[in-house]
Protein backbone atom coordinates (compact mmCIF):
# COMPACT_ATOMS: atom_id res chain seq x y z
CA MET A 1 23.70 -1.34 -33.86
CA PRO A 2 21.54 0.99 -31.74
CA GLU A 3 23.22 2.59 -28.74
CA GLU A 4 22.27 0.90 -25.47
CA HIS A 5 21.14 3.06 -22.58
CA ARG A 6 20.85 2.36 -18.89
CA SER A 7 17.28 2.34 -17.61
CA PRO A 8 16.07 5.26 -15.45
CA ARG A 9 16.17 3.02 -12.39
CA GLU A 10 19.77 2.03 -13.06
CA ILE A 11 20.69 5.68 -13.59
CA ALA A 12 18.94 6.66 -10.34
CA ASP A 13 20.79 4.16 -8.19
CA ARG A 14 24.14 4.94 -9.84
CA TYR A 15 23.46 8.57 -8.94
CA VAL A 16 22.92 7.67 -5.27
CA ASP A 17 26.19 5.75 -5.19
CA ALA A 18 28.12 8.55 -6.88
CA LEU A 19 26.60 11.19 -4.61
CA ALA A 20 27.53 9.16 -1.53
CA SER A 21 31.12 9.27 -2.75
CA LEU A 22 30.99 13.06 -3.03
CA ASP A 23 28.94 13.61 0.15
CA PRO A 24 29.72 10.91 2.74
CA LEU A 25 26.88 12.10 4.99
CA VAL A 26 24.46 10.76 2.37
CA GLY A 27 25.90 7.27 2.69
CA THR A 28 25.68 7.37 6.48
CA SER A 29 22.11 8.67 6.38
CA LEU A 30 21.11 5.76 4.15
CA GLY A 31 23.22 3.25 6.08
CA ILE A 32 24.95 2.05 2.92
CA ARG A 33 28.52 2.89 3.97
CA PRO A 34 28.70 2.22 7.71
CA HIS A 35 32.49 2.51 7.91
CA ASP A 36 32.90 5.68 5.87
CA ASP A 37 34.87 8.06 8.09
CA ARG A 38 35.03 10.98 5.65
CA MET A 39 33.35 14.36 5.89
CA PRO A 40 31.88 16.27 2.94
CA ASP A 41 33.52 19.16 1.13
CA LEU A 42 31.11 22.01 1.87
CA SER A 43 33.10 24.59 -0.09
CA PRO A 44 31.99 26.10 -3.41
CA GLU A 45 34.19 23.53 -5.15
CA GLY A 46 32.43 20.69 -3.37
CA THR A 47 29.04 22.02 -4.42
CA ALA A 48 30.28 22.42 -8.00
CA ALA A 49 31.30 18.76 -8.08
CA ARG A 50 27.89 17.64 -6.88
CA ASP A 51 26.20 19.93 -9.42
CA GLU A 52 28.28 18.47 -12.22
CA LEU A 53 27.16 14.99 -11.18
CA ALA A 54 23.53 16.16 -11.31
CA ARG A 55 23.96 17.64 -14.80
CA ALA A 56 25.65 14.52 -16.12
CA THR A 57 22.90 12.36 -14.62
CA LEU A 58 20.20 14.51 -16.21
CA ALA A 59 21.86 14.23 -19.61
CA GLU A 60 22.07 10.44 -19.34
CA LEU A 61 18.46 10.26 -18.12
CA ASP A 62 17.18 12.36 -21.01
CA ALA A 63 18.92 10.08 -23.49
CA SER A 64 17.48 7.00 -21.80
CA VAL A 65 13.93 8.37 -21.83
CA ALA A 66 14.25 9.40 -25.47
CA ALA A 67 15.16 5.81 -26.31
CA GLY A 68 11.95 4.56 -24.66
CA VAL A 69 10.75 3.77 -21.12
CA ALA A 70 9.93 0.12 -20.48
CA ASP A 71 7.14 0.30 -17.90
CA GLU A 72 5.28 2.24 -15.21
CA LEU A 73 8.04 1.80 -12.65
CA GLU A 74 10.62 3.25 -15.02
CA ARG A 75 8.29 6.13 -15.93
CA ARG A 76 7.75 7.15 -12.31
CA CYS A 77 11.43 6.87 -11.51
CA ALA A 78 12.42 8.98 -14.51
CA GLY A 79 9.91 11.67 -13.59
CA VAL A 80 11.01 11.94 -9.97
CA LEU A 81 14.73 11.89 -10.78
CA HIS A 82 14.43 14.56 -13.46
CA GLU A 83 12.28 16.89 -11.37
CA ARG A 84 14.41 16.57 -8.22
CA LEU A 85 17.75 17.12 -9.95
CA GLU A 86 16.38 20.07 -11.90
CA ALA A 87 14.93 21.66 -8.75
CA ALA A 88 18.21 21.17 -6.84
CA LEU A 89 20.23 22.77 -9.63
CA LEU A 90 17.93 25.80 -9.63
CA ILE A 91 18.65 26.24 -5.92
CA SER A 92 22.40 25.81 -6.37
CA GLU A 93 22.66 28.06 -9.41
CA ALA A 94 21.00 30.80 -7.37
CA GLY A 95 23.82 30.51 -4.79
CA GLU A 96 21.62 29.41 -1.89
CA HIS A 97 24.41 27.15 -0.58
CA LEU A 98 26.55 30.27 -0.14
CA ARG A 99 24.19 31.65 2.54
CA SER A 100 22.98 28.45 4.18
CA VAL A 101 22.60 29.52 7.81
CA GLY A 102 19.54 28.40 9.75
CA ASN A 103 18.37 26.57 12.86
CA LEU A 104 17.49 23.32 11.06
CA PHE A 105 19.05 21.30 8.20
CA SER A 106 21.90 23.74 7.47
CA PRO A 107 25.48 22.37 7.18
CA VAL A 108 26.10 23.33 10.80
CA GLN A 109 23.46 20.85 11.98
CA ARG A 110 24.16 18.17 9.33
CA VAL A 111 27.76 17.79 10.47
CA ARG A 112 26.70 17.07 14.06
CA GLN A 113 23.62 15.01 13.14
CA VAL A 114 25.69 12.39 11.33
CA PHE A 115 27.16 11.15 14.61
CA LEU A 116 23.67 10.28 15.87
CA LEU A 117 23.24 8.00 12.84
CA MET A 118 26.55 6.13 13.07
CA PRO A 119 26.75 2.64 14.60
CA THR A 120 28.53 2.36 17.96
CA ALA A 121 28.12 -1.32 18.79
CA THR A 122 31.77 -2.37 18.40
CA GLU A 123 35.25 -1.01 18.99
CA GLU A 124 35.70 -0.67 15.22
CA ASP A 125 32.49 1.37 15.05
CA TRP A 126 33.91 3.75 17.64
CA ALA A 127 37.21 3.94 15.74
CA VAL A 128 35.23 5.16 12.70
CA VAL A 129 33.51 7.75 14.92
CA ALA A 130 36.89 8.97 16.16
CA ARG A 131 38.34 9.29 12.67
CA ARG A 132 35.29 11.12 11.35
CA MET A 133 35.03 13.42 14.36
CA ALA A 134 38.67 14.37 13.86
CA ARG A 135 37.64 15.63 10.40
CA VAL A 136 34.81 17.88 11.60
CA GLY A 137 37.22 20.80 11.35
CA ASP A 138 37.79 20.15 7.65
CA ALA A 139 34.05 20.13 6.99
CA TYR A 140 33.37 23.28 8.99
CA ASP A 141 36.31 25.12 7.45
CA SER A 142 35.04 24.27 3.95
CA TYR A 143 31.60 25.54 5.02
CA LEU A 144 33.11 28.83 6.12
CA ARG A 145 34.71 29.16 2.67
CA SER A 146 31.23 28.96 1.16
CA LEU A 147 29.95 31.64 3.52
CA GLU A 148 32.90 33.86 2.62
CA ALA A 149 32.20 33.36 -1.09
CA GLY A 150 28.58 34.26 -0.50
CA ALA A 151 29.48 37.38 1.46
CA ALA A 152 31.76 38.50 -1.38
CA GLN A 153 28.76 38.28 -3.73
CA GLY A 154 26.35 39.95 -1.34
CA LEU A 155 24.57 36.65 -0.63
CA LEU A 156 24.09 36.64 3.14
CA ALA A 157 21.64 35.08 5.58
CA ALA A 158 19.46 37.40 7.66
CA PRO A 159 20.78 38.35 11.13
CA ARG A 160 17.96 36.46 12.88
CA GLN A 161 19.24 33.16 11.42
CA VAL A 162 22.84 33.89 12.38
CA GLU A 163 21.97 34.78 15.95
CA VAL A 164 20.03 31.57 16.49
CA VAL A 165 22.80 29.37 15.09
CA VAL A 166 25.29 31.14 17.35
CA GLU A 167 23.02 30.28 20.29
CA GLN A 168 22.86 26.65 19.16
CA LEU A 169 26.65 26.47 18.93
CA ASP A 170 26.95 28.01 22.40
CA GLU A 171 24.74 25.16 23.62
CA TRP A 172 26.84 22.50 21.88
CA LEU A 173 30.01 24.02 23.31
CA GLY A 174 28.59 23.98 26.82
CA GLU A 175 28.68 27.76 27.06
CA ALA A 176 24.96 28.60 27.02
CA GLY A 177 22.79 29.10 30.08
CA THR A 178 21.95 25.40 30.30
CA GLY A 179 24.92 24.18 28.31
CA ALA A 180 25.38 20.70 26.96
CA ARG A 181 23.86 18.31 29.46
CA GLY A 182 26.32 17.04 32.02
CA GLY A 183 28.97 19.68 31.30
CA GLY A 184 31.51 19.92 28.51
CA SER A 185 30.88 20.04 24.80
CA TRP A 186 28.34 17.90 22.98
CA PHE A 187 31.12 16.16 21.05
CA ALA A 188 32.93 15.23 24.29
CA GLN A 189 29.74 13.88 25.79
CA HIS A 190 28.93 11.88 22.68
CA VAL A 191 32.22 9.94 22.78
CA SER A 192 32.27 9.56 26.57
CA GLY A 193 30.66 6.13 26.30
CA GLY A 194 33.27 4.81 23.88
CA PRO A 195 35.73 2.01 24.73
CA GLU A 196 38.72 2.77 26.97
CA ALA A 197 41.08 1.33 24.35
CA LEU A 198 40.19 4.30 22.14
CA ARG A 199 39.87 6.89 24.90
CA SER A 200 42.80 9.02 23.76
CA ALA A 201 41.73 9.05 20.10
CA LEU A 202 38.10 9.79 20.98
CA ASP A 203 38.96 12.61 23.37
CA GLU A 204 41.38 14.19 20.89
CA ALA A 205 38.78 13.97 18.13
CA ALA A 206 36.13 15.53 20.36
CA ALA A 207 38.48 18.36 21.34
CA SER A 208 39.25 19.00 17.67
CA ALA A 209 35.55 19.01 16.73
CA THR A 210 34.75 21.30 19.65
CA ALA A 211 37.43 23.74 18.54
CA ALA A 212 36.04 23.65 14.98
CA ALA A 213 32.50 24.38 16.20
CA ALA A 214 33.91 27.28 18.23
CA ARG A 215 35.58 28.65 15.08
CA VAL A 216 32.25 28.57 13.26
CA ARG A 217 30.51 30.23 16.21
CA ASP A 218 33.14 32.95 16.47
CA HIS A 219 33.10 33.64 12.72
CA LEU A 220 29.32 33.84 12.61
CA ARG A 221 29.15 36.09 15.66
CA ASP A 222 32.14 38.36 15.09
CA VAL A 223 32.58 38.50 11.32
CA TYR A 224 29.45 37.34 9.52
CA LEU A 225 26.77 38.92 11.70
CA PRO A 226 28.03 42.51 11.27
CA ARG A 227 28.12 41.98 7.50
CA ALA A 228 24.56 40.65 7.55
CA ALA A 229 23.14 43.78 9.16
CA GLY A 230 20.19 44.99 7.14
CA ILE A 231 19.58 41.74 5.25
CA PRO A 232 15.78 41.26 5.29
CA ASP A 233 14.08 38.17 6.68
CA ALA A 234 11.70 38.00 3.71
CA VAL A 235 13.13 36.27 0.64
CA GLY A 236 10.71 37.76 -1.91
CA PRO A 237 8.66 36.12 -4.68
CA GLU A 238 11.46 34.79 -6.91
CA ARG A 239 13.40 33.01 -4.19
CA TYR A 240 10.17 31.84 -2.56
CA ARG A 241 8.85 30.16 -5.71
CA ARG A 242 12.21 28.49 -6.27
CA TRP A 243 12.18 27.09 -2.72
CA ALA A 244 8.53 26.08 -3.05
CA ARG A 245 9.49 23.98 -6.05
CA GLN A 246 12.32 22.38 -4.04
CA TRP A 247 10.08 21.49 -1.10
CA THR A 248 7.00 20.35 -3.06
CA GLY A 249 8.15 19.08 -6.41
CA ALA A 250 5.67 21.38 -8.17
CA ASP A 251 5.33 24.93 -9.46
CA LEU A 252 2.81 26.23 -6.95
CA ASP A 253 0.19 28.92 -7.27
CA VAL A 254 1.19 30.57 -4.00
CA GLY A 255 -1.69 33.06 -4.20
CA GLU A 256 -4.21 30.20 -4.25
CA ALA A 257 -2.37 28.51 -1.40
CA TYR A 258 -2.47 31.71 0.68
CA ARG A 259 -6.22 32.12 0.16
CA TRP A 260 -6.87 28.45 0.95
CA GLY A 261 -4.78 28.74 4.12
CA TRP A 262 -7.18 31.38 5.43
CA GLU A 263 -10.18 29.18 4.60
CA GLU A 264 -8.65 26.20 6.39
CA HIS A 265 -7.73 28.37 9.38
CA ALA A 266 -11.36 29.51 9.71
CA ARG A 267 -12.70 25.95 9.45
CA LEU A 268 -10.32 24.68 12.11
CA ASP A 269 -11.05 27.64 14.37
CA ARG A 270 -14.72 26.62 14.43
CA GLU A 271 -13.83 23.01 15.24
CA MET A 272 -11.42 24.06 17.97
CA ARG A 273 -14.01 26.23 19.69
CA ALA A 274 -16.42 23.30 19.78
CA ALA A 275 -13.68 20.99 21.10
CA ALA A 276 -12.63 23.49 23.78
CA GLU A 277 -16.18 23.44 25.15
CA LEU A 278 -15.77 19.72 25.86
CA VAL A 279 -12.52 20.33 27.74
CA LEU A 280 -13.59 23.37 29.76
CA PRO A 281 -17.10 24.77 29.18
CA GLY A 282 -17.05 28.45 28.28
CA ALA A 283 -13.32 28.47 27.55
CA THR A 284 -11.60 29.63 24.39
CA PRO A 285 -9.28 27.11 22.70
CA LEU A 286 -6.20 28.74 24.24
CA GLU A 287 -7.80 28.79 27.71
CA ALA A 288 -8.71 25.12 27.35
CA MET A 289 -5.17 24.23 26.30
CA ARG A 290 -3.63 26.14 29.21
CA HIS A 291 -6.06 24.28 31.49
CA LEU A 292 -4.82 20.98 30.04
CA ASP A 293 -1.21 22.06 30.56
CA GLU A 294 -1.84 22.67 34.24
CA HIS A 295 -4.50 20.12 35.14
CA GLY A 296 -4.51 17.49 32.41
CA GLU A 297 -2.59 14.22 32.32
CA ALA A 298 1.19 14.70 32.20
CA VAL A 299 4.28 12.49 32.21
CA GLU A 300 7.08 13.33 34.63
CA GLY A 301 10.69 12.88 33.49
CA GLU A 302 12.51 12.43 30.18
CA GLU A 303 12.91 8.68 30.41
CA ALA A 304 9.30 8.22 31.46
CA VAL A 305 7.98 10.18 28.49
CA ARG A 306 10.33 8.32 26.14
CA ARG A 307 8.97 4.97 27.42
CA ARG A 308 5.39 6.21 27.14
CA LEU A 309 5.88 7.28 23.52
CA GLN A 310 7.55 3.97 22.73
CA ALA A 311 4.68 2.01 24.26
CA MET A 312 2.15 4.08 22.33
CA MET A 313 3.86 3.42 19.00
CA ASP A 314 4.22 -0.29 19.74
CA GLU A 315 0.53 -0.53 20.60
CA VAL A 316 -0.59 1.33 17.49
CA ILE A 317 1.55 -0.86 15.22
CA THR A 318 -0.03 -3.96 16.73
CA GLU A 319 -3.55 -2.61 16.28
CA LEU A 320 -3.17 -1.18 12.76
CA HIS A 321 -1.27 -4.15 11.33
CA GLY A 322 -3.70 -6.39 9.48
CA THR A 323 -6.59 -3.92 9.74
CA HIS A 324 -5.50 -0.74 7.97
CA PHE A 325 -1.96 -1.69 6.92
CA ASP A 326 0.00 -4.85 6.10
CA LEU A 327 3.39 -4.30 7.68
CA ALA A 328 6.52 -6.34 7.06
CA ASP A 329 8.42 -7.33 10.20
CA PRO A 330 11.27 -4.79 9.77
CA VAL A 331 8.76 -1.96 9.36
CA ARG A 332 7.23 -2.80 12.72
CA ALA A 333 10.38 -1.71 14.61
CA VAL A 334 10.64 1.95 15.66
CA GLU A 335 12.45 3.64 18.55
CA ALA A 336 11.46 6.69 20.63
CA MET A 337 14.44 8.89 21.50
CA ILE A 338 15.15 12.10 23.41
CA ALA A 339 16.77 14.67 21.10
CA PRO A 340 20.16 16.10 22.07
CA PRO A 341 20.12 19.70 23.32
CA GLY A 342 20.99 22.63 21.11
CA GLY A 343 18.56 22.01 18.25
CA ALA A 344 15.26 23.33 16.99
CA ALA A 345 12.17 22.90 19.17
CA ALA A 346 10.08 20.69 16.90
CA PRO A 347 10.02 16.88 17.24
CA TYR A 348 11.40 14.99 14.25
CA TYR A 349 12.00 11.54 12.74
CA THR A 350 15.09 9.88 11.28
CA ARG A 351 14.70 7.15 8.66
CA PRO A 352 15.93 3.59 9.05
CA SER A 353 19.08 2.56 7.22
CA MET A 354 18.52 0.79 3.93
CA ASP A 355 19.24 -2.59 5.55
CA PHE A 356 17.16 -1.81 8.69
CA SER A 357 20.24 -2.28 10.89
CA ARG A 358 19.43 1.19 12.23
CA PRO A 359 15.69 1.47 12.92
CA GLY A 360 13.50 4.48 12.29
CA ARG A 361 13.53 6.81 15.29
CA THR A 362 11.35 9.61 16.64
CA TRP A 363 13.08 12.39 18.55
CA LEU A 364 11.57 14.60 21.27
CA PRO A 365 13.39 17.89 22.05
CA THR A 366 12.70 18.63 25.70
CA LEU A 367 14.00 22.23 25.82
CA GLY A 368 14.92 21.60 29.45
CA ALA A 369 11.41 20.51 30.47
CA THR A 370 10.86 17.60 32.85
CA ARG A 371 7.04 17.59 32.79
CA PHE A 372 5.26 16.72 29.55
CA PRO A 373 1.50 17.32 29.13
CA TRP A 374 0.15 14.32 27.26
CA TRP A 375 -2.67 16.07 25.36
CA SER A 376 -0.21 17.78 23.00
CA LEU A 377 1.97 14.72 22.31
CA VAL A 378 -0.48 12.08 21.09
CA SER A 379 -1.32 13.42 17.65
CA THR A 380 2.28 14.60 17.18
CA TRP A 381 3.51 11.04 17.65
CA TYR A 382 0.95 9.74 15.19
CA HIS A 383 2.64 12.23 12.83
CA GLU A 384 6.28 11.53 13.63
CA GLY A 385 5.96 7.83 14.31
CA VAL A 386 3.01 5.57 13.54
CA PRO A 387 1.19 5.71 11.18
CA GLY A 388 3.03 8.84 10.04
CA HIS A 389 6.63 9.24 9.00
CA HIS A 390 7.72 5.85 10.23
CA LEU A 391 5.21 3.77 8.28
CA GLN A 392 5.85 5.70 5.07
CA LEU A 393 9.61 5.94 5.20
CA ALA A 394 10.20 2.45 6.60
CA GLN A 395 7.88 1.01 3.95
CA TRP A 396 9.93 2.84 1.33
CA VAL A 397 13.04 1.09 2.61
CA HIS A 398 11.18 -2.22 2.43
CA VAL A 399 10.17 -1.70 -1.23
CA ALA A 400 13.44 -0.08 -2.33
CA PRO A 401 14.72 -3.28 -4.02
CA ARG A 402 11.63 -3.26 -6.25
CA LEU A 403 11.79 0.47 -6.96
CA THR A 404 15.11 2.27 -6.49
CA MET A 405 17.07 3.52 -3.55
CA TYR A 406 16.71 7.02 -5.01
CA GLN A 407 12.90 7.02 -5.15
CA THR A 408 12.69 5.80 -1.59
CA SER A 409 15.23 8.15 -0.04
CA LEU A 410 16.92 11.11 -1.72
CA GLY A 411 14.11 11.58 -4.22
CA SER A 412 11.55 12.48 -1.59
CA ASN A 413 10.15 15.94 -1.07
CA SER A 414 8.62 17.53 2.00
CA ALA A 415 5.08 17.85 0.61
CA VAL A 416 4.78 14.10 0.04
CA THR A 417 6.34 13.02 3.35
CA GLU A 418 4.95 15.74 5.61
CA GLY A 419 1.64 15.55 3.75
CA TRP A 420 1.41 11.83 4.52
CA ALA A 421 2.31 12.41 8.17
CA LEU A 422 -0.41 15.03 8.54
CA TYR A 423 -2.84 12.73 6.71
CA ALA A 424 -1.88 10.10 9.29
CA GLU A 425 -3.03 12.40 12.09
CA THR A 426 -6.37 12.88 10.33
CA LEU A 427 -6.66 9.14 9.76
CA MET A 428 -6.21 8.46 13.47
CA ASP A 429 -8.95 10.99 14.21
CA GLU A 430 -11.21 9.23 11.69
CA LEU A 431 -10.43 5.87 13.32
CA GLY A 432 -11.31 7.14 16.79
CA TYR A 433 -7.82 7.06 18.30
CA LEU A 434 -8.07 10.52 19.85
CA ARG A 435 -9.90 9.14 22.84
CA THR A 436 -10.25 12.14 25.13
CA PRO A 437 -11.43 15.70 24.49
CA GLY A 438 -7.91 16.91 25.31
CA GLU A 439 -6.26 14.58 22.80
CA ARG A 440 -8.64 15.70 20.08
CA LEU A 441 -8.05 19.35 20.92
CA GLY A 442 -4.33 18.58 20.61
CA TYR A 443 -4.94 17.15 17.15
CA LEU A 444 -6.92 20.21 16.07
CA ASP A 445 -4.23 22.48 17.51
CA ALA A 446 -1.62 20.65 15.43
CA GLN A 447 -3.80 21.00 12.34
CA GLN A 448 -4.35 24.69 13.04
CA MET A 449 -0.62 25.24 13.48
CA ARG A 450 -0.07 23.86 9.95
CA ALA A 451 -2.84 26.08 8.51
CA VAL A 452 -1.33 29.12 10.22
CA ARG A 453 2.03 28.14 8.70
CA VAL A 454 0.57 28.43 5.20
CA ILE A 455 -0.72 31.93 5.95
CA ILE A 456 2.29 33.40 7.70
CA ASP A 457 5.03 31.67 5.70
CA ILE A 458 3.69 32.93 2.38
CA GLY A 459 2.57 36.19 3.96
CA MET A 460 5.95 37.02 5.57
CA HIS A 461 8.17 36.10 2.65
CA LEU A 462 6.02 37.82 0.03
CA GLU A 463 5.02 40.65 2.41
CA LEU A 464 1.39 40.17 1.46
CA GLU A 465 -1.58 42.13 2.68
CA ILE A 466 -3.78 40.70 5.43
CA PRO A 467 -7.35 40.42 4.02
CA ASP A 468 -9.70 43.24 4.97
CA ASP A 469 -12.30 40.79 6.28
CA GLN A 470 -9.97 39.48 9.00
CA ALA A 471 -10.12 40.71 12.59
CA PHE A 472 -6.32 40.55 12.88
CA HIS A 473 -4.72 43.76 11.55
CA PRO A 474 -6.99 43.98 8.48
CA GLY A 475 -5.22 45.52 5.49
CA GLY A 476 -1.82 45.39 7.18
CA ARG A 477 1.30 43.89 5.60
CA TRP A 478 2.82 40.77 7.10
CA THR A 479 6.05 41.13 9.07
CA PRO A 480 7.79 38.55 11.29
CA GLU A 481 6.51 40.44 14.33
CA LEU A 482 2.89 40.26 13.15
CA ALA A 483 3.40 36.60 12.25
CA ARG A 484 4.65 35.81 15.75
CA GLU A 485 1.66 37.63 17.27
CA PHE A 486 -0.79 35.77 15.03
CA PHE A 487 0.92 32.45 15.75
CA GLY A 488 0.65 33.04 19.49
CA LEU A 489 -3.08 33.74 19.20
CA HIS A 490 -3.76 30.48 17.35
CA CYS A 491 -1.33 27.87 18.68
CA GLY A 492 -1.28 26.12 22.02
CA ARG A 493 2.50 25.59 22.13
CA GLY A 494 4.76 27.55 24.46
CA PRO A 495 6.74 30.71 23.62
CA ALA A 496 10.09 28.92 23.14
CA PHE A 497 8.53 26.59 20.58
CA LEU A 498 6.82 29.43 18.73
CA ASP A 499 10.00 31.52 18.63
CA SER A 500 12.00 28.58 17.27
CA GLU A 501 9.34 27.83 14.67
CA LEU A 502 9.27 31.41 13.41
CA VAL A 503 13.03 31.39 12.86
CA ARG A 504 12.69 28.07 11.08
CA TYR A 505 10.06 29.42 8.67
CA LEU A 506 12.13 32.48 7.89
CA GLY A 507 15.25 30.36 7.29
CA MET A 508 13.53 27.62 5.28
CA PRO A 509 11.11 29.48 3.00
CA ALA A 510 8.16 27.39 1.75
CA GLN A 511 8.96 24.27 3.80
CA ALA A 512 6.30 25.17 6.37
CA ILE A 513 3.51 25.18 3.78
CA THR A 514 4.18 21.61 2.65
CA TYR A 515 2.33 19.92 5.53
CA LYS A 516 -1.15 21.24 4.81
CA LEU A 517 -0.76 21.36 1.03
CA GLY A 518 0.57 17.82 1.08
CA GLU A 519 -2.24 16.57 3.30
CA ARG A 520 -4.76 18.21 0.96
CA ALA A 521 -3.27 16.22 -1.95
CA TRP A 522 -3.29 12.91 -0.04
CA LEU A 523 -6.93 13.37 0.98
CA ALA A 524 -7.93 14.40 -2.55
CA GLY A 525 -6.15 11.38 -4.02
CA ARG A 526 -7.87 9.04 -1.57
CA GLU A 527 -11.31 10.46 -2.30
CA ALA A 528 -10.71 10.28 -6.06
CA ALA A 529 -9.72 6.62 -5.75
CA ARG A 530 -12.79 5.95 -3.58
CA ALA A 531 -15.06 7.68 -6.12
CA ARG A 532 -13.54 5.71 -8.99
CA GLN A 533 -13.84 2.31 -7.26
CA GLY A 534 -17.09 2.80 -5.38
CA ASP A 535 -17.98 -0.09 -3.08
CA ALA A 536 -14.88 -1.98 -4.19
CA PHE A 537 -12.59 0.58 -2.55
CA ASP A 538 -10.35 -1.09 0.07
CA LEU A 539 -8.66 1.42 2.37
CA LYS A 540 -5.97 -1.01 3.56
CA ALA A 541 -5.06 -1.97 0.00
CA TRP A 542 -5.00 1.70 -0.99
CA HIS A 543 -2.73 2.58 1.92
CA MET A 544 -0.21 -0.10 1.03
CA ALA A 545 -0.24 0.71 -2.68
CA ALA A 546 0.19 4.41 -1.89
CA LEU A 547 3.06 3.76 0.52
CA SER A 548 4.77 1.44 -1.98
CA MET A 549 4.99 3.93 -4.87
CA GLY A 550 8.00 5.77 -3.52
CA SER A 551 8.19 9.53 -3.80
CA LEU A 552 6.39 11.70 -6.33
CA GLY A 553 6.18 15.43 -6.90
CA LEU A 554 3.13 17.18 -5.49
CA GLY A 555 2.04 18.00 -9.02
CA ASP A 556 1.65 14.28 -9.84
CA LEU A 557 0.52 12.95 -6.48
CA VAL A 558 -3.27 13.32 -6.71
CA ALA A 559 -3.50 11.77 -10.18
CA GLU A 560 -1.28 8.82 -9.23
CA LEU A 561 -3.15 8.18 -5.96
CA ALA A 562 -6.49 8.31 -7.77
CA GLU A 563 -5.49 5.39 -9.98
CA LEU A 564 -4.52 3.03 -7.14
């Protein structure tokens, strides 16, 4: 009798379950194990176990595909699963986990972030929080073992990354200039609202976690940072192409992307100059944006801006539902949140749990501000919330039973998700939702920021030459200092934001280019579908079909979208 094989979709979901056993933060992120109080093993041995799972899954998948794929759903699932596991193994085999220090998405941040995703509605929920927080020390100690293994092999993060993470940990510990809000460590503040019946356990767990974070801070500052002296910020072509594959799901032509980034920058510069004229006649884009900061509409206070962002998302959902999207009831719920202090400067989104018991949430880092100019927030919240990240990622949760949990969560890549979110900003411009000259200038500024990212991210890491036909340092070689100068000339955000972003790009090579390259693919796929269908093209139907495919690699996205 012929050997029976599991289907690619069965293999994908078994992989998610097995990975959640090895990395409990995965289960919490997906909301599939709400009472899991474990922490992950972040040591080299823990990574080796997760790599072995990936290799075994790839072997089973290859055998299943060789035996025959039943339908289109199985084909897409097999393609995404194979590409993502292969890309992750390339990163791991290069030892990147042994030097994972950065201001966003490194193990330092993941360990804290999980507590923002855990339920706290009942006393039992808080008991799980206490047990997990008591194990923060185990997770951080295993992380330090990875950093030590990396240092022994000469695999170290650049000093700039280490210094910023030390500053973040100072903030969490309540030892920075502003400190954790309200005094005390972030962990102590987080459990302060727990039930009195668990007060002793919660306080002890918070003290233990605080001590563990202090150990990480001290090691990074006193031991790791001196070792890292002289490590360059630029990762070079080999590491960059490997990371570009991880973030996009494709083997990119980075030279073409760099040239296109300059073309897009020039196009947007022309549009911004025209838009600035409508805000303040005779002003440059930067002058117009500074005018809006000082004299434009602004929201006073954290809670007031949170309510305003919530109301905006609620209104947009109501207006877009039935016209440009068909949204299931659970997808129509999203929450605006204020981000905890001690993180990166950029707003972000967290996905809903797989059962929607935890809704999708947008997060606004305030960086200590209490006044929020509205012109720069509108398009950003179309990106982070509706119709951006929230509509895509919540729709993925909704269709996960038809596809797989893997395709609609762990199998995603930044180019597809950030590309959709940037497409969403463009869509709202096309639909006329940027109703004032300031709001439209804010949209163009956000677009320009993503074009500049393509230029400076590739330019810095590959140390490329600035084209001779540019007014900015023609013929010079990109450095972080030149990148920061160029960024400041072409972005309306404040210095703290720009400084944080530059560190992020240097610590997450190739992630910053995914927004514009992803948007380019989404727009190209839409126009190809429109050209193929002609007058029969239905934008709402295309949106829902596109959002219901689950994740794909950037290399496949345009062709798949064209056929919808």
